[in-house]
mmCIF file of all heavy atoms, coordinates in Angstrom:
data_MODEL
# 
_entry.id   MODEL 
# 
loop_
_atom_site.group_PDB 
_atom_site.id 
_atom_site.type_symbol 
_atom_site.label_atom_id 
_atom_site.label_alt_id 
_atom_site.label_comp_id 
_atom_site.label_asym_id 
_atom_site.label_entity_id 
_atom_site.label_seq_id 
_atom_site.pdbx_PDB_ins_code 
_atom_site.Cartn_x 
_atom_site.Cartn_y 
_atom_site.Cartn_z 
_atom_site.occupancy 
_atom_site.B_iso_or_equiv 
_atom_site.pdbx_formal_charge 
_atom_site.auth_seq_id 
_atom_site.auth_comp_id 
_atom_site.auth_asym_id 
_atom_site.auth_atom_id 
_atom_site.pdbx_PDB_model_num 
ATOM 1   N N   . PHE A 1 1  ? 8.466   16.408  5.072   1.00 0.00 ? 1  PHE A N   1 
ATOM 2   C CA  . PHE A 1 1  ? 7.712   15.722  6.122   1.00 0.00 ? 1  PHE A CA  1 
ATOM 3   C C   . PHE A 1 1  ? 6.417   15.198  5.592   1.00 0.00 ? 1  PHE A C   1 
ATOM 4   O O   . PHE A 1 1  ? 5.953   14.065  5.963   1.00 0.00 ? 1  PHE A O   1 
ATOM 5   C CB  . PHE A 1 1  ? 7.359   16.849  7.233   1.00 0.00 ? 1  PHE A CB  1 
ATOM 6   C CG  . PHE A 1 1  ? 6.483   16.240  8.346   1.00 0.00 ? 1  PHE A CG  1 
ATOM 7   C CD1 . PHE A 1 1  ? 7.216   15.503  9.380   1.00 0.00 ? 1  PHE A CD1 1 
ATOM 8   C CD2 . PHE A 1 1  ? 5.123   16.482  8.428   1.00 0.00 ? 1  PHE A CD2 1 
ATOM 9   C CE1 . PHE A 1 1  ? 6.359   15.018  10.414  1.00 0.00 ? 1  PHE A CE1 1 
ATOM 10  C CE2 . PHE A 1 1  ? 4.451   16.051  9.518   1.00 0.00 ? 1  PHE A CE2 1 
ATOM 11  C CZ  . PHE A 1 1  ? 5.028   15.275  10.533  1.00 0.00 ? 1  PHE A CZ  1 
ATOM 12  N N   . ALA A 1 2  ? 5.705   15.945  4.781   1.00 0.00 ? 2  ALA A N   1 
ATOM 13  C CA  . ALA A 1 2  ? 4.392   15.492  4.149   1.00 0.00 ? 2  ALA A CA  1 
ATOM 14  C C   . ALA A 1 2  ? 4.577   14.140  3.299   1.00 0.00 ? 2  ALA A C   1 
ATOM 15  O O   . ALA A 1 2  ? 3.824   13.272  3.470   1.00 0.00 ? 2  ALA A O   1 
ATOM 16  C CB  . ALA A 1 2  ? 3.812   16.570  3.356   1.00 0.00 ? 2  ALA A CB  1 
ATOM 17  N N   . VAL A 1 3  ? 5.670   14.209  2.601   1.00 0.00 ? 3  VAL A N   1 
ATOM 18  C CA  . VAL A 1 3  ? 5.905   13.053  1.786   1.00 0.00 ? 3  VAL A CA  1 
ATOM 19  C C   . VAL A 1 3  ? 6.133   11.848  2.564   1.00 0.00 ? 3  VAL A C   1 
ATOM 20  O O   . VAL A 1 3  ? 5.780   10.755  2.283   1.00 0.00 ? 3  VAL A O   1 
ATOM 21  C CB  . VAL A 1 3  ? 7.091   13.347  0.788   1.00 0.00 ? 3  VAL A CB  1 
ATOM 22  C CG1 . VAL A 1 3  ? 7.646   12.029  0.093   1.00 0.00 ? 3  VAL A CG1 1 
ATOM 23  C CG2 . VAL A 1 3  ? 6.694   14.282  -0.328  1.00 0.00 ? 3  VAL A CG2 1 
ATOM 24  N N   . LEU A 1 4  ? 7.006   12.014  3.603   1.00 0.00 ? 4  LEU A N   1 
ATOM 25  C CA  . LEU A 1 4  ? 7.337   10.956  4.515   1.00 0.00 ? 4  LEU A CA  1 
ATOM 26  C C   . LEU A 1 4  ? 6.184   10.345  5.188   1.00 0.00 ? 4  LEU A C   1 
ATOM 27  O O   . LEU A 1 4  ? 5.961   9.121   5.278   1.00 0.00 ? 4  LEU A O   1 
ATOM 28  C CB  . LEU A 1 4  ? 8.387   11.442  5.596   1.00 0.00 ? 4  LEU A CB  1 
ATOM 29  C CG  . LEU A 1 4  ? 8.815   10.332  6.599   1.00 0.00 ? 4  LEU A CG  1 
ATOM 30  C CD1 . LEU A 1 4  ? 9.456   9.212   5.944   1.00 0.00 ? 4  LEU A CD1 1 
ATOM 31  C CD2 . LEU A 1 4  ? 9.691   11.050  7.697   1.00 0.00 ? 4  LEU A CD2 1 
ATOM 32  N N   . VAL A 1 5  ? 5.370   11.238  5.718   1.00 0.00 ? 5  VAL A N   1 
ATOM 33  C CA  . VAL A 1 5  ? 4.137   10.664  6.426   1.00 0.00 ? 5  VAL A CA  1 
ATOM 34  C C   . VAL A 1 5  ? 3.210   9.909   5.429   1.00 0.00 ? 5  VAL A C   1 
ATOM 35  O O   . VAL A 1 5  ? 2.622   8.829   5.757   1.00 0.00 ? 5  VAL A O   1 
ATOM 36  C CB  . VAL A 1 5  ? 3.372   11.801  7.110   1.00 0.00 ? 5  VAL A CB  1 
ATOM 37  C CG1 . VAL A 1 5  ? 2.020   11.413  7.591   1.00 0.00 ? 5  VAL A CG1 1 
ATOM 38  C CG2 . VAL A 1 5  ? 4.224   12.479  8.272   1.00 0.00 ? 5  VAL A CG2 1 
ATOM 39  N N   . VAL A 1 6  ? 2.886   10.574  4.292   1.00 0.00 ? 6  VAL A N   1 
ATOM 40  C CA  . VAL A 1 6  ? 1.989   9.955   3.444   1.00 0.00 ? 6  VAL A CA  1 
ATOM 41  C C   . VAL A 1 6  ? 2.591   8.649   2.874   1.00 0.00 ? 6  VAL A C   1 
ATOM 42  O O   . VAL A 1 6  ? 1.876   7.539   2.669   1.00 0.00 ? 6  VAL A O   1 
ATOM 43  C CB  . VAL A 1 6  ? 1.664   10.867  2.206   1.00 0.00 ? 6  VAL A CB  1 
ATOM 44  C CG1 . VAL A 1 6  ? 0.779   10.171  1.189   1.00 0.00 ? 6  VAL A CG1 1 
ATOM 45  C CG2 . VAL A 1 6  ? 0.874   12.015  2.746   1.00 0.00 ? 6  VAL A CG2 1 
ATOM 46  N N   . ALA A 1 7  ? 3.895   8.637   2.686   1.00 0.00 ? 7  ALA A N   1 
ATOM 47  C CA  . ALA A 1 7  ? 4.622   7.403   2.276   1.00 0.00 ? 7  ALA A CA  1 
ATOM 48  C C   . ALA A 1 7  ? 4.425   6.223   3.221   1.00 0.00 ? 7  ALA A C   1 
ATOM 49  O O   . ALA A 1 7  ? 4.176   5.069   2.897   1.00 0.00 ? 7  ALA A O   1 
ATOM 50  C CB  . ALA A 1 7  ? 6.050   7.705   1.982   1.00 0.00 ? 7  ALA A CB  1 
ATOM 51  N N   . LEU A 1 8  ? 4.542   6.491   4.477   1.00 0.00 ? 8  LEU A N   1 
ATOM 52  C CA  . LEU A 1 8  ? 4.393   5.578   5.580   1.00 0.00 ? 8  LEU A CA  1 
ATOM 53  C C   . LEU A 1 8  ? 2.866   4.997   5.572   1.00 0.00 ? 8  LEU A C   1 
ATOM 54  O O   . LEU A 1 8  ? 2.719   3.752   5.693   1.00 0.00 ? 8  LEU A O   1 
ATOM 55  C CB  . LEU A 1 8  ? 4.692   6.222   6.900   1.00 0.00 ? 8  LEU A CB  1 
ATOM 56  C CG  . LEU A 1 8  ? 6.141   6.539   7.151   1.00 0.00 ? 8  LEU A CG  1 
ATOM 57  C CD1 . LEU A 1 8  ? 6.339   7.225   8.563   1.00 0.00 ? 8  LEU A CD1 1 
ATOM 58  C CD2 . LEU A 1 8  ? 7.005   5.128   7.237   1.00 0.00 ? 8  LEU A CD2 1 
ATOM 59  N N   . VAL A 1 9  ? 1.959   5.885   5.345   1.00 0.00 ? 9  VAL A N   1 
ATOM 60  C CA  . VAL A 1 9  ? 0.565   5.484   5.405   1.00 0.00 ? 9  VAL A CA  1 
ATOM 61  C C   . VAL A 1 9  ? 0.313   4.606   4.197   1.00 0.00 ? 9  VAL A C   1 
ATOM 62  O O   . VAL A 1 9  ? -0.339  3.444   4.277   1.00 0.00 ? 9  VAL A O   1 
ATOM 63  C CB  . VAL A 1 9  ? -0.341  6.722   5.276   1.00 0.00 ? 9  VAL A CB  1 
ATOM 64  C CG1 . VAL A 1 9  ? -1.820  6.252   4.981   1.00 0.00 ? 9  VAL A CG1 1 
ATOM 65  C CG2 . VAL A 1 9  ? -0.240  7.609   6.536   1.00 0.00 ? 9  VAL A CG2 1 
ATOM 66  N N   . VAL A 1 10 ? 0.772   4.995   2.922   1.00 0.00 ? 10 VAL A N   1 
ATOM 67  C CA  . VAL A 1 10 ? 0.611   4.294   1.719   1.00 0.00 ? 10 VAL A CA  1 
ATOM 68  C C   . VAL A 1 10 ? 1.286   2.872   1.947   1.00 0.00 ? 10 VAL A C   1 
ATOM 69  O O   . VAL A 1 10 ? 0.699   1.767   1.499   1.00 0.00 ? 10 VAL A O   1 
ATOM 70  C CB  . VAL A 1 10 ? 1.102   4.932   0.540   1.00 0.00 ? 10 VAL A CB  1 
ATOM 71  C CG1 . VAL A 1 10 ? 1.267   4.061   -0.766  1.00 0.00 ? 10 VAL A CG1 1 
ATOM 72  C CG2 . VAL A 1 10 ? 0.355   6.212   0.240   1.00 0.00 ? 10 VAL A CG2 1 
ATOM 73  N N   . ALA A 1 11 ? 2.432   2.761   2.429   1.00 0.00 ? 11 ALA A N   1 
ATOM 74  C CA  . ALA A 1 11 ? 3.199   1.576   2.667   1.00 0.00 ? 11 ALA A CA  1 
ATOM 75  C C   . ALA A 1 11 ? 2.488   0.607   3.642   1.00 0.00 ? 11 ALA A C   1 
ATOM 76  O O   . ALA A 1 11 ? 2.339   -0.596  3.377   1.00 0.00 ? 11 ALA A O   1 
ATOM 77  C CB  . ALA A 1 11 ? 4.630   1.861   3.276   1.00 0.00 ? 11 ALA A CB  1 
ATOM 78  N N   . LEU A 1 12 ? 1.924   1.227   4.696   1.00 0.00 ? 12 LEU A N   1 
ATOM 79  C CA  . LEU A 1 12 ? 1.190   0.408   5.631   1.00 0.00 ? 12 LEU A CA  1 
ATOM 80  C C   . LEU A 1 12 ? -0.161  -0.172  4.883   1.00 0.00 ? 12 LEU A C   1 
ATOM 81  O O   . LEU A 1 12 ? -0.428  -1.414  5.165   1.00 0.00 ? 12 LEU A O   1 
ATOM 82  C CB  . LEU A 1 12 ? 0.641   1.265   6.769   1.00 0.00 ? 12 LEU A CB  1 
ATOM 83  C CG  . LEU A 1 12 ? -0.220  0.625   7.833   1.00 0.00 ? 12 LEU A CG  1 
ATOM 84  C CD1 . LEU A 1 12 ? 0.630   -0.491  8.486   1.00 0.00 ? 12 LEU A CD1 1 
ATOM 85  C CD2 . LEU A 1 12 ? -0.681  1.621   8.910   1.00 0.00 ? 12 LEU A CD2 1 
ATOM 86  N N   . VAL A 1 13 ? -0.846  0.523   4.138   1.00 0.00 ? 13 VAL A N   1 
ATOM 87  C CA  . VAL A 1 13 ? -1.947  0.103   3.465   1.00 0.00 ? 13 VAL A CA  1 
ATOM 88  C C   . VAL A 1 13 ? -1.593  -0.976  2.371   1.00 0.00 ? 13 VAL A C   1 
ATOM 89  O O   . VAL A 1 13 ? -2.243  -2.005  2.096   1.00 0.00 ? 13 VAL A O   1 
ATOM 90  C CB  . VAL A 1 13 ? -2.746  1.223   2.837   1.00 0.00 ? 13 VAL A CB  1 
ATOM 91  C CG1 . VAL A 1 13 ? -3.876  0.711   1.871   1.00 0.00 ? 13 VAL A CG1 1 
ATOM 92  C CG2 . VAL A 1 13 ? -3.314  2.174   3.856   1.00 0.00 ? 13 VAL A CG2 1 
ATOM 93  N N   . ASP A 1 14 ? -0.408  -0.704  1.695   1.00 0.00 ? 14 ASP A N   1 
ATOM 94  C CA  . ASP A 1 14 ? -0.009  -1.590  0.662   1.00 0.00 ? 14 ASP A CA  1 
ATOM 95  C C   . ASP A 1 14 ? 0.251   -2.966  1.305   1.00 0.00 ? 14 ASP A C   1 
ATOM 96  O O   . ASP A 1 14 ? -0.037  -4.019  0.747   1.00 0.00 ? 14 ASP A O   1 
ATOM 97  C CB  . ASP A 1 14 ? 1.307   -1.112  0.052   1.00 0.00 ? 14 ASP A CB  1 
ATOM 98  C CG  . ASP A 1 14 ? 1.055   -0.114  -1.092  1.00 0.00 ? 14 ASP A CG  1 
ATOM 99  O OD1 . ASP A 1 14 ? -0.015  0.024   -1.554  1.00 0.00 ? 14 ASP A OD1 1 
ATOM 100 O OD2 . ASP A 1 14 ? 2.022   0.683   -1.482  1.00 0.00 ? 14 ASP A OD2 1 
ATOM 101 N N   . VAL A 1 15 ? 0.887   -2.935  2.397   1.00 0.00 ? 15 VAL A N   1 
ATOM 102 C CA  . VAL A 1 15 ? 1.225   -4.336  3.061   1.00 0.00 ? 15 VAL A CA  1 
ATOM 103 C C   . VAL A 1 15 ? -0.031  -5.055  3.285   1.00 0.00 ? 15 VAL A C   1 
ATOM 104 O O   . VAL A 1 15 ? -0.006  -6.311  3.087   1.00 0.00 ? 15 VAL A O   1 
ATOM 105 C CB  . VAL A 1 15 ? 2.057   -4.070  4.405   1.00 0.00 ? 15 VAL A CB  1 
ATOM 106 C CG1 . VAL A 1 15 ? 2.068   -5.280  5.268   1.00 0.00 ? 15 VAL A CG1 1 
ATOM 107 C CG2 . VAL A 1 15 ? 3.327   -3.527  4.187   1.00 0.00 ? 15 VAL A CG2 1 
ATOM 108 N N   . ALA A 1 16 ? -1.141  -4.416  3.642   1.00 0.00 ? 16 ALA A N   1 
ATOM 109 C CA  . ALA A 1 16 ? -2.314  -5.145  4.016   1.00 0.00 ? 16 ALA A CA  1 
ATOM 110 C C   . ALA A 1 16 ? -3.094  -5.447  2.629   1.00 0.00 ? 16 ALA A C   1 
ATOM 111 O O   . ALA A 1 16 ? -3.762  -6.583  2.699   1.00 0.00 ? 16 ALA A O   1 
ATOM 112 C CB  . ALA A 1 16 ? -3.210  -4.249  4.883   1.00 0.00 ? 16 ALA A CB  1 
ATOM 113 N N   . VAL A 1 17 ? -2.973  -4.704  1.660   1.00 0.00 ? 17 VAL A N   1 
ATOM 114 C CA  . VAL A 1 17 ? -3.940  -4.721  0.503   1.00 0.00 ? 17 VAL A CA  1 
ATOM 115 C C   . VAL A 1 17 ? -3.289  -5.450  -0.719  1.00 0.00 ? 17 VAL A C   1 
ATOM 116 O O   . VAL A 1 17 ? -3.904  -6.271  -1.443  1.00 0.00 ? 17 VAL A O   1 
ATOM 117 C CB  . VAL A 1 17 ? -4.532  -3.443  0.242   1.00 0.00 ? 17 VAL A CB  1 
ATOM 118 C CG1 . VAL A 1 17 ? -5.485  -3.531  -0.964  1.00 0.00 ? 17 VAL A CG1 1 
ATOM 119 C CG2 . VAL A 1 17 ? -5.360  -2.860  1.292   1.00 0.00 ? 17 VAL A CG2 1 
ATOM 120 N N   . VAL A 1 18 ? -2.112  -5.006  -1.016  1.00 0.00 ? 18 VAL A N   1 
ATOM 121 C CA  . VAL A 1 18 ? -1.458  -5.492  -2.325  1.00 0.00 ? 18 VAL A CA  1 
ATOM 122 C C   . VAL A 1 18 ? -1.476  -7.011  -2.514  1.00 0.00 ? 18 VAL A C   1 
ATOM 123 O O   . VAL A 1 18 ? -1.742  -7.554  -3.597  1.00 0.00 ? 18 VAL A O   1 
ATOM 124 C CB  . VAL A 1 18 ? -0.128  -4.811  -2.470  1.00 0.00 ? 18 VAL A CB  1 
ATOM 125 C CG1 . VAL A 1 18 ? 0.670   -5.363  -3.759  1.00 0.00 ? 18 VAL A CG1 1 
ATOM 126 C CG2 . VAL A 1 18 ? -0.255  -3.355  -2.657  1.00 0.00 ? 18 VAL A CG2 1 
ATOM 127 N N   . PRO A 1 19 ? -1.066  -7.778  -1.430  1.00 0.00 ? 19 PRO A N   1 
ATOM 128 C CA  . PRO A 1 19 ? -1.057  -9.199  -1.634  1.00 0.00 ? 19 PRO A CA  1 
ATOM 129 C C   . PRO A 1 19 ? -2.418  -9.682  -2.086  1.00 0.00 ? 19 PRO A C   1 
ATOM 130 O O   . PRO A 1 19 ? -2.477  -10.707 -2.788  1.00 0.00 ? 19 PRO A O   1 
ATOM 131 C CB  . PRO A 1 19 ? -0.722  -9.782  -0.209  1.00 0.00 ? 19 PRO A CB  1 
ATOM 132 C CG  . PRO A 1 19 ? 0.065   -8.633  0.430   1.00 0.00 ? 19 PRO A CG  1 
ATOM 133 C CD  . PRO A 1 19 ? -0.562  -7.368  -0.108  1.00 0.00 ? 19 PRO A CD  1 
ATOM 134 N N   . ILE A 1 20 ? -3.494  -9.037  -1.533  1.00 0.00 ? 20 ILE A N   1 
ATOM 135 C CA  . ILE A 1 20 ? -4.823  -9.555  -2.006  1.00 0.00 ? 20 ILE A CA  1 
ATOM 136 C C   . ILE A 1 20 ? -5.052  -9.079  -3.450  1.00 0.00 ? 20 ILE A C   1 
ATOM 137 O O   . ILE A 1 20 ? -5.601  -9.892  -4.336  1.00 0.00 ? 20 ILE A O   1 
ATOM 138 C CB  . ILE A 1 20 ? -5.916  -8.872  -1.106  1.00 0.00 ? 20 ILE A CB  1 
ATOM 139 C CG1 . ILE A 1 20 ? -5.676  -9.366  0.253   1.00 0.00 ? 20 ILE A CG1 1 
ATOM 140 C CG2 . ILE A 1 20 ? -7.347  -9.260  -1.561  1.00 0.00 ? 20 ILE A CG2 1 
ATOM 141 C CD1 . ILE A 1 20 ? -6.583  -8.626  1.425   1.00 0.00 ? 20 ILE A CD1 1 
ATOM 142 N N   . LEU A 1 21 ? -4.732  -7.873  -3.840  1.00 0.00 ? 21 LEU A N   1 
ATOM 143 C CA  . LEU A 1 21 ? -4.870  -7.341  -5.208  1.00 0.00 ? 21 LEU A CA  1 
ATOM 144 C C   . LEU A 1 21 ? -4.126  -8.233  -6.216  1.00 0.00 ? 21 LEU A C   1 
ATOM 145 O O   . LEU A 1 21 ? -4.500  -8.393  -7.411  1.00 0.00 ? 21 LEU A O   1 
ATOM 146 C CB  . LEU A 1 21 ? -4.442  -5.925  -5.285  1.00 0.00 ? 21 LEU A CB  1 
ATOM 147 C CG  . LEU A 1 21 ? -5.186  -4.957  -4.508  1.00 0.00 ? 21 LEU A CG  1 
ATOM 148 C CD1 . LEU A 1 21 ? -4.607  -3.523  -4.665  1.00 0.00 ? 21 LEU A CD1 1 
ATOM 149 C CD2 . LEU A 1 21 ? -6.768  -4.936  -4.851  1.00 0.00 ? 21 LEU A CD2 1 
ATOM 150 N N   . LEU A 1 22 ? -2.988  -8.729  -5.859  1.00 0.00 ? 22 LEU A N   1 
ATOM 151 C CA  . LEU A 1 22 ? -2.137  -9.542  -6.778  1.00 0.00 ? 22 LEU A CA  1 
ATOM 152 C C   . LEU A 1 22 ? -2.739  -10.854 -7.164  1.00 0.00 ? 22 LEU A C   1 
ATOM 153 O O   . LEU A 1 22 ? -2.435  -11.514 -8.164  1.00 0.00 ? 22 LEU A O   1 
ATOM 154 C CB  . LEU A 1 22 ? -0.749  -9.847  -6.202  1.00 0.00 ? 22 LEU A CB  1 
ATOM 155 C CG  . LEU A 1 22 ? 0.164   -8.604  -5.989  1.00 0.00 ? 22 LEU A CG  1 
ATOM 156 C CD1 . LEU A 1 22 ? 1.468   -8.966  -5.406  1.00 0.00 ? 22 LEU A CD1 1 
ATOM 157 C CD2 . LEU A 1 22 ? 0.480   -7.968  -7.336  1.00 0.00 ? 22 LEU A CD2 1 
ATOM 158 N N   . HIS A 1 23 ? -3.791  -11.269 -6.321  1.00 0.00 ? 23 HIS A N   1 
ATOM 159 C CA  . HIS A 1 23 ? -4.561  -12.504 -6.723  1.00 0.00 ? 23 HIS A CA  1 
ATOM 160 C C   . HIS A 1 23 ? -5.653  -12.330 -7.733  1.00 0.00 ? 23 HIS A C   1 
ATOM 161 O O   . HIS A 1 23 ? -6.122  -13.170 -8.266  1.00 0.00 ? 23 HIS A O   1 
ATOM 162 C CB  . HIS A 1 23 ? -5.036  -13.213 -5.434  1.00 0.00 ? 23 HIS A CB  1 
ATOM 163 C CG  . HIS A 1 23 ? -3.972  -13.782 -4.610  1.00 0.00 ? 23 HIS A CG  1 
ATOM 164 N ND1 . HIS A 1 23 ? -3.301  -14.959 -4.935  1.00 0.00 ? 23 HIS A ND1 1 
ATOM 165 C CD2 . HIS A 1 23 ? -3.603  -13.396 -3.362  1.00 0.00 ? 23 HIS A CD2 1 
ATOM 166 C CE1 . HIS A 1 23 ? -2.436  -15.236 -4.049  1.00 0.00 ? 23 HIS A CE1 1 
ATOM 167 N NE2 . HIS A 1 23 ? -2.582  -14.365 -3.061  1.00 0.00 ? 23 HIS A NE2 1 
ATOM 168 N N   . GLU A 1 24 ? -5.851  -11.020 -7.979  1.00 0.00 ? 24 GLU A N   1 
ATOM 169 C CA  . GLU A 1 24 ? -7.011  -10.672 -8.880  1.00 0.00 ? 24 GLU A CA  1 
ATOM 170 C C   . GLU A 1 24 ? -6.498  -10.828 -10.273 1.00 0.00 ? 24 GLU A C   1 
ATOM 171 O O   . GLU A 1 24 ? -5.458  -10.298 -10.648 1.00 0.00 ? 24 GLU A O   1 
ATOM 172 C CB  . GLU A 1 24 ? -7.583  -9.269  -8.640  1.00 0.00 ? 24 GLU A CB  1 
ATOM 173 C CG  . GLU A 1 24 ? -8.779  -8.929  -9.444  1.00 0.00 ? 24 GLU A CG  1 
ATOM 174 C CD  . GLU A 1 24 ? -9.516  -7.677  -9.008  1.00 0.00 ? 24 GLU A CD  1 
ATOM 175 O OE1 . GLU A 1 24 ? -9.057  -7.190  -7.893  1.00 0.00 ? 24 GLU A OE1 1 
ATOM 176 O OE2 . GLU A 1 24 ? -10.404 -7.233  -9.719  1.00 0.00 ? 24 GLU A OE2 1 
ATOM 177 N N   . GLY A 1 25 ? -7.323  -11.434 -11.189 1.00 0.00 ? 25 GLY A N   1 
ATOM 178 C CA  . GLY A 1 25 ? -6.889  -11.583 -12.532 1.00 0.00 ? 25 GLY A CA  1 
ATOM 179 C C   . GLY A 1 25 ? -7.008  -10.355 -13.407 1.00 0.00 ? 25 GLY A C   1 
ATOM 180 O O   . GLY A 1 25 ? -7.811  -9.447  -13.013 1.00 0.00 ? 25 GLY A O   1 
ATOM 181 N N   . SER A 1 26 ? -6.210  -10.212 -14.295 1.00 0.00 ? 26 SER A N   1 
ATOM 182 C CA  . SER A 1 26 ? -6.260  -9.007  -15.341 1.00 0.00 ? 26 SER A CA  1 
ATOM 183 C C   . SER A 1 26 ? -7.451  -9.323  -16.262 1.00 0.00 ? 26 SER A C   1 
ATOM 184 O O   . SER A 1 26 ? -7.280  -10.082 -17.206 1.00 0.00 ? 26 SER A O   1 
ATOM 185 C CB  . SER A 1 26 ? -4.984  -8.896  -15.979 1.00 0.00 ? 26 SER A CB  1 
ATOM 186 O OG  . SER A 1 26 ? -3.929  -8.675  -15.174 1.00 0.00 ? 26 SER A OG  1 
# 
């Protein structure tokens, strides 16, 4: 249950943030 809940939270944050992070240069 803990893994499922945290996974949903991380996925939600990823959807909002990762597309922005991918535009950042290495």
